Protein backbone atom coordinates (compact mmCIF):
# COMPACT_ATOMS: atom_id res chain seq x y z
CA MET A 1 94.17 -75.23 -58.82
CA ILE A 2 91.46 -72.39 -57.73
CA LYS A 3 88.84 -71.51 -59.61
CA SER A 4 89.69 -68.16 -61.50
CA GLU A 5 93.18 -70.63 -62.86
CA LEU A 6 90.60 -73.24 -64.42
CA ILE A 7 88.66 -70.81 -65.94
CA ASN A 8 91.88 -69.62 -67.52
CA ALA A 9 92.58 -73.24 -68.65
CA ILE A 10 89.63 -73.72 -69.82
CA ALA A 11 89.49 -70.70 -71.78
CA GLY A 12 92.42 -71.58 -73.15
CA GLN A 13 91.65 -75.26 -74.04
CA ALA A 14 88.18 -74.05 -75.45
CA ASN A 15 89.45 -71.23 -77.37
CA LEU A 16 86.89 -68.98 -75.25
CA SER A 17 86.69 -65.64 -73.44
CA LYS A 18 87.80 -65.84 -69.95
CA ALA A 19 84.06 -64.50 -69.33
CA ASP A 20 82.61 -67.01 -71.22
CA ALA A 21 84.47 -69.72 -69.57
CA GLY A 22 83.41 -68.78 -66.59
CA ARG A 23 79.98 -68.57 -67.36
CA ALA A 24 80.32 -72.52 -68.64
CA LEU A 25 81.96 -73.34 -65.65
CA ASP A 26 78.80 -71.73 -63.43
CA ALA A 27 76.57 -73.21 -65.77
CA LEU A 28 78.20 -76.60 -64.76
CA ILE A 29 78.62 -76.65 -61.10
CA LYS A 30 74.33 -75.21 -60.91
CA THR A 31 73.62 -78.39 -63.12
CA ILE A 32 75.58 -80.98 -60.92
CA GLU A 33 74.33 -79.26 -57.98
CA ALA A 34 70.65 -79.13 -59.42
CA THR A 35 70.99 -82.67 -60.68
CA LEU A 36 72.16 -84.28 -56.91
CA LYS A 37 69.77 -82.39 -55.35
CA ALA A 38 66.77 -84.16 -57.37
CA GLY A 39 68.33 -87.80 -56.33
CA ASP A 40 70.11 -88.04 -59.89
CA SER A 41 73.72 -88.88 -60.81
CA ILE A 42 75.48 -87.67 -63.82
CA THR A 43 77.98 -90.06 -65.67
CA LEU A 44 80.72 -88.87 -67.58
CA VAL A 45 82.02 -92.05 -69.59
CA GLY A 46 85.37 -92.29 -69.26
CA PHE A 47 85.73 -89.07 -66.61
CA GLY A 48 83.64 -90.30 -63.74
CA THR A 49 80.39 -90.36 -61.92
CA PHE A 50 78.57 -87.81 -59.71
CA ALA A 51 75.91 -89.34 -56.80
CA VAL A 52 74.81 -88.62 -53.52
CA LYS A 53 75.15 -91.44 -50.97
CA ASP A 54 73.10 -91.85 -47.95
CA ARG A 55 75.21 -92.03 -45.19
CA PRO A 56 73.67 -94.01 -41.82
CA GLU A 57 73.09 -92.94 -38.68
CA ARG A 58 76.23 -93.59 -36.34
CA THR A 59 77.95 -93.45 -33.29
CA GLY A 60 80.82 -90.86 -32.46
CA ARG A 61 82.84 -89.45 -29.17
CA ASN A 62 82.83 -86.23 -28.44
CA PRO A 63 86.82 -85.36 -28.73
CA GLN A 64 86.52 -82.63 -25.45
CA THR A 65 84.34 -84.60 -23.13
CA GLY A 66 84.42 -88.42 -24.44
CA LEU A 67 81.36 -88.13 -24.49
CA GLU A 68 79.38 -90.95 -26.85
CA ILE A 69 76.68 -88.82 -29.35
CA THR A 70 74.80 -89.68 -32.31
CA ILE A 71 75.99 -88.37 -35.32
CA ALA A 72 72.75 -87.93 -37.91
CA ALA A 73 72.07 -89.82 -41.04
CA ALA A 74 73.06 -87.31 -44.37
CA LYS A 75 73.24 -87.68 -47.71
CA VAL A 76 76.78 -86.74 -48.86
CA PRO A 77 78.34 -85.72 -52.45
CA PHE A 78 80.00 -88.54 -53.85
CA PHE A 79 82.48 -88.78 -57.20
CA LYS A 80 83.69 -92.28 -58.69
CA SER A 81 86.18 -91.61 -61.30
CA GLY A 82 86.03 -93.23 -64.71
CA LYS A 83 88.82 -95.98 -66.16
CA GLY A 84 89.86 -93.21 -68.46
CA LEU A 85 90.48 -90.71 -65.74
CA LYS A 86 92.22 -93.52 -63.70
CA ASP A 87 94.66 -94.15 -66.79
CA ALA A 88 95.63 -90.57 -67.46
CA ILE A 89 96.48 -90.29 -63.82
CA ARG A 90 98.30 -93.01 -63.84
CA GLY A 91 100.33 -91.99 -67.03
């Protein structure tokens, strides 16, 4: 599903116009981004948790030359699904 299909689904489920559904989705995405950037997490009970994880520095290999390289530490977004979402997917 792409963003426009998601907007159409939200509009249908919530009885909103497509424009209102698009603004709501954009607001949700911006809020999640801002919260994660601030170092906080968002928990939606039954759905899951959006958080930031620290990935430590590690050693890798350049596939073209085979030389070892150091891959810098990084902060990466992470989503852990909740029980309700897992149960919904399982059937």
